[in-house]
Protein backbone atom coordinates (compact mmCIF):
# COMPACT_ATOMS: atom_id res chain seq x y z
CA MET A 1 8.09 -6.54 -12.67
CA THR A 2 10.63 -3.85 -13.13
CA PRO A 3 13.03 -3.31 -10.26
CA ALA A 4 11.58 0.16 -9.95
CA SER A 5 8.32 -1.35 -8.96
CA ARG A 6 9.29 -4.27 -6.95
CA PRO A 7 7.76 -4.12 -3.47
CA GLU A 8 9.96 -3.34 -0.46
CA PRO A 9 10.62 -6.50 1.56
CA VAL A 10 8.49 -6.83 4.77
CA PRO A 11 10.36 -6.28 7.83
CA ARG A 12 10.37 -8.95 10.46
CA ILE A 13 9.18 -7.86 13.89
CA ALA A 14 10.29 -8.72 17.16
CA LEU A 15 9.09 -7.77 20.69
CA VAL A 16 11.94 -8.09 23.38
CA THR A 17 10.85 -7.56 26.76
CA GLY A 18 13.70 -6.68 29.12
CA ALA A 19 16.01 -5.40 26.35
CA SER A 20 18.03 -2.77 28.36
CA ARG A 21 20.82 -4.90 29.55
CA GLY A 22 22.39 -8.59 29.57
CA LEU A 23 21.04 -11.20 27.20
CA GLY A 24 17.81 -9.11 26.54
CA ALA A 25 19.91 -6.30 25.21
CA ALA A 26 22.09 -8.58 23.18
CA LEU A 27 19.16 -10.26 21.55
CA ALA A 28 17.54 -6.90 20.61
CA GLU A 29 20.92 -5.68 19.21
CA THR A 30 21.60 -8.86 17.05
CA LEU A 31 18.05 -8.87 15.55
CA VAL A 32 18.41 -5.26 14.43
CA LEU A 33 21.86 -6.33 13.11
CA ARG A 34 20.03 -8.97 11.07
CA GLY A 35 17.56 -6.60 9.57
CA TRP A 36 14.64 -6.97 12.15
CA GLN A 37 12.27 -4.12 13.46
CA VAL A 38 12.74 -4.43 17.19
CA VAL A 39 10.39 -3.23 19.90
CA ALA A 40 12.54 -2.99 22.80
CA VAL A 41 10.81 -2.72 26.13
CA ALA A 42 12.51 -2.02 29.57
CA ARG A 43 12.22 0.26 32.45
CA THR A 44 15.76 1.58 32.21
CA VAL A 45 15.67 4.26 29.63
CA GLY A 46 19.49 4.78 29.43
CA GLY A 47 20.03 1.08 28.89
CA LEU A 48 17.52 0.95 25.83
CA GLU A 49 19.33 4.12 24.45
CA GLU A 50 22.71 2.34 24.79
CA ALA A 51 21.71 -0.72 23.02
CA ASP A 52 20.04 1.24 20.28
CA ASP A 53 23.34 3.35 19.99
CA ARG A 54 25.50 0.23 19.74
CA ALA A 55 23.15 -1.07 17.06
CA ARG A 56 23.33 2.03 15.00
CA ALA A 57 27.00 2.39 15.54
CA ALA A 58 27.54 -1.16 14.13
CA GLY A 59 25.57 -0.09 11.07
CA ALA A 60 22.45 -2.23 11.70
CA PRO A 61 20.01 -2.33 8.88
CA GLY A 62 16.98 -2.88 10.97
CA ALA A 63 15.65 -0.45 13.51
CA MET A 64 14.70 -0.34 17.21
CA THR A 65 11.63 0.99 18.54
CA LEU A 66 12.39 2.02 22.31
CA ALA A 67 9.55 1.54 24.72
CA PRO A 68 10.55 2.49 28.35
CA LEU A 69 7.70 0.58 30.07
CA ASP A 70 7.03 -1.48 33.23
CA ILE A 71 6.12 -4.83 32.21
CA THR A 72 3.95 -5.20 35.48
CA ASP A 73 1.82 -1.99 34.37
CA ASP A 74 -1.10 -3.81 32.95
CA GLY A 75 -2.64 -1.09 31.16
CA ALA A 76 0.81 0.04 29.54
CA MET A 77 1.28 -3.37 28.33
CA ARG A 78 -2.06 -3.73 26.68
CA HIS A 79 -1.42 -0.35 24.97
CA LEU A 80 1.68 -1.42 23.55
CA CYS A 81 0.31 -4.70 22.02
CA ARG A 82 -2.47 -2.68 20.61
CA SER A 83 0.02 -0.10 19.30
CA ILE A 84 1.96 -3.15 17.41
CA HIS A 85 -1.17 -4.40 16.05
CA ASP A 86 -2.22 -1.23 14.58
CA ARG A 87 1.16 -0.63 13.08
CA TRP A 88 2.40 -4.13 11.93
CA GLY A 89 -0.49 -6.29 12.48
CA ARG A 90 1.79 -9.06 14.08
CA VAL A 91 4.96 -10.12 15.94
CA ASP A 92 7.26 -12.76 14.40
CA LEU A 93 9.27 -13.31 17.47
CA TRP A 94 8.66 -12.55 21.27
CA ALA A 95 11.91 -12.81 23.33
CA HIS A 96 11.03 -12.47 26.95
CA ALA A 97 14.26 -11.77 28.85
CA ALA A 98 12.59 -9.51 31.81
CA ILE A 99 13.56 -10.91 35.17
CA HIS A 100 14.03 -9.73 38.70
CA ALA A 101 16.80 -11.14 40.72
CA ALA A 102 16.05 -10.93 44.17
CA PRO A 103 19.05 -10.97 46.71
CA LEU A 104 19.96 -14.46 47.84
CA SER A 105 18.03 -15.26 51.21
CA PRO A 106 16.98 -18.21 53.35
CA ALA A 107 13.39 -19.14 52.61
CA GLY A 108 12.79 -18.47 56.25
CA HIS A 109 13.97 -14.68 55.85
CA LEU A 110 12.59 -13.78 52.58
CA ASP A 111 11.90 -10.09 52.45
CA PRO A 112 8.21 -9.20 51.54
CA LYS A 113 8.95 -6.73 49.10
CA ASP A 114 11.65 -8.66 47.13
CA TRP A 115 9.06 -11.79 47.06
CA GLU A 116 6.33 -9.49 45.84
CA LYS A 117 8.43 -7.90 43.15
CA SER A 118 9.55 -11.49 42.08
CA VAL A 119 6.09 -12.71 41.50
CA ALA A 120 4.99 -9.45 39.90
CA ILE A 121 7.93 -9.36 37.44
CA ASN A 122 8.79 -12.94 36.91
CA LEU A 123 5.45 -14.65 37.08
CA ARG A 124 2.44 -12.51 37.12
CA ALA A 125 3.60 -10.34 34.23
CA THR A 126 4.33 -13.40 32.07
CA GLY A 127 0.74 -14.74 32.79
CA LEU A 128 -0.54 -11.36 31.63
CA LEU A 129 1.78 -10.99 28.32
CA ILE A 130 1.29 -14.40 27.11
CA PRO A 131 -2.75 -13.76 26.37
CA LEU A 132 -1.77 -10.09 24.88
CA VAL A 133 1.15 -11.58 22.67
CA GLU A 134 -0.36 -14.88 21.54
CA PRO A 135 -2.75 -12.92 18.94
CA LEU A 136 -0.02 -11.20 17.37
CA LEU A 137 2.21 -14.12 17.05
CA ARG A 138 -0.48 -16.19 15.60
CA ALA A 139 -0.99 -13.45 13.04
CA ALA A 140 2.53 -14.10 11.81
CA PRO A 141 3.50 -16.65 9.27
CA ALA A 142 5.76 -18.38 11.85
CA GLY A 143 5.29 -16.72 15.26
CA THR A 144 7.47 -17.78 17.94
CA ALA A 145 7.73 -16.92 21.65
CA LEU A 146 11.05 -17.43 23.34
CA PHE A 147 11.86 -17.98 27.00
CA LEU A 148 15.18 -18.19 28.82
CA ASP A 149 15.41 -20.89 31.50
CA ASP A 150 17.80 -20.67 34.54
CA PRO A 151 17.19 -23.81 36.57
CA ARG A 152 17.53 -22.52 40.05
CA GLY A 153 14.27 -23.83 41.71
CA GLY A 154 14.99 -25.76 44.78
CA GLN A 155 18.60 -24.55 45.21
CA PRO A 156 19.58 -23.08 48.53
CA PHE A 157 19.05 -19.44 48.94
CA PHE A 158 17.50 -19.00 45.76
CA GLY A 159 13.87 -19.24 46.99
CA ALA A 160 12.42 -15.99 45.48
CA TYR A 161 14.29 -16.27 42.28
CA GLY A 162 14.15 -19.96 41.71
CA ALA A 163 10.47 -20.53 42.63
CA THR A 164 9.07 -17.65 40.49
CA LYS A 165 11.58 -18.30 37.60
CA ALA A 166 10.35 -21.98 37.55
CA GLY A 167 6.86 -20.91 37.73
CA GLN A 168 7.42 -18.87 34.71
CA ILE A 169 8.89 -21.69 32.67
CA ALA A 170 6.19 -24.08 33.78
CA LEU A 171 3.82 -21.62 32.35
CA ALA A 172 5.65 -21.32 29.28
CA ARG A 173 5.72 -25.13 29.05
CA SER A 174 2.11 -25.49 29.31
CA TRP A 175 1.70 -22.90 26.54
CA GLN A 176 4.15 -24.79 24.43
CA ALA A 177 2.07 -28.05 24.89
CA GLU A 178 -1.15 -26.36 24.00
CA ALA A 179 -0.03 -24.52 20.85
CA VAL A 180 1.66 -27.54 19.16
CA ARG A 181 -1.20 -27.63 16.58
CA VAL A 182 -2.66 -24.28 16.65
CA GLY A 183 0.42 -22.20 17.29
CA PRO A 184 2.43 -20.10 18.14
CA ARG A 185 5.77 -21.98 18.44
CA VAL A 186 6.90 -21.69 21.97
CA VAL A 187 10.69 -22.31 22.36
CA ILE A 188 12.56 -22.53 25.80
CA ALA A 189 16.33 -22.08 25.68
CA THR A 190 18.90 -22.36 28.42
CA PRO A 191 21.76 -19.76 27.94
CA ASP A 192 25.32 -20.84 29.13
CA PRO A 193 26.41 -18.68 32.23
CA MET A 194 27.19 -15.06 31.31
CA PRO A 195 28.73 -12.06 33.06
CA THR A 196 25.26 -10.29 33.47
CA ALA A 197 24.26 -8.09 36.23
CA THR A 198 21.85 -10.83 37.52
CA ARG A 199 24.67 -13.23 37.70
CA ALA A 200 26.97 -10.71 39.55
CA ARG A 201 24.26 -10.39 42.35
CA PHE A 202 23.98 -14.02 42.83
CA PHE A 203 27.81 -14.69 42.56
CA PRO A 204 29.82 -11.40 43.72
CA GLY A 205 33.49 -11.79 43.17
CA GLU A 206 33.41 -14.57 40.64
CA ASP A 207 35.85 -14.81 37.89
CA ARG A 208 33.88 -13.78 35.08
CA ALA A 209 36.56 -14.43 32.41
CA PRO A 210 35.58 -18.01 31.65
CA LEU A 211 31.70 -16.66 31.27
CA ALA A 212 30.13 -16.66 27.74
CA ASP A 213 29.55 -13.45 26.01
CA PRO A 214 25.87 -12.49 25.80
CA ARG A 215 26.14 -11.54 22.18
CA ASP A 216 27.64 -15.06 21.42
CA GLN A 217 24.66 -16.37 23.31
CA ALA A 218 21.92 -14.23 21.47
CA ALA A 219 23.43 -15.43 18.14
CA ARG A 220 23.36 -19.10 18.94
CA ILE A 221 19.97 -18.93 20.39
CA LEU A 222 18.57 -17.04 17.51
CA ASP A 223 20.35 -19.48 15.13
CA ALA A 224 18.79 -22.41 16.79
CA LEU A 225 15.48 -20.79 16.06
CA GLY A 226 16.05 -21.11 12.27
């Protein structure tokens, strides 16, 4: 086969939910810098555009497809997954970084709107996305789902966030156990504390200097995936 007729390498496809800021944005940018085709999902259009601009400015060999969508919109998520199937037929990596950080509150004073939003984003949307994304991951040679743990369940004042995040990870662990033989691979990683907007809501005034850079954490987590 001559170089002129050599087929183009098939790009690896990543779906990153919660890609507009923090670790989600860092994962999306790192993947693009490593040559992946990334579908970046978040509600914040500006954040997605900024992540894309940073990757382009760094000369990323991959590309980012921006999907400014709400993961709690069932119809939009179904349409997105169908579009990914029609275009690429698979997803090699799903990194689920979308999260709602409800304000800290005693359990006896939870705000109903914050509670419902926590359940909708952190738990219900995850339960909807797993069945939608699983066929796309199974269609890949080594499809992998990545979840990010933050073990706050049972800590004082973390009721809404801690309970729904723990529920999300419990769901991921069930999927992980069920998929051992049939796939996809399900990985649960625990990032080091980072100076994200989520953490700033929980710990205002904290000295952020010792906290880990999200880009370094993204690289560490992706390297561990192999």
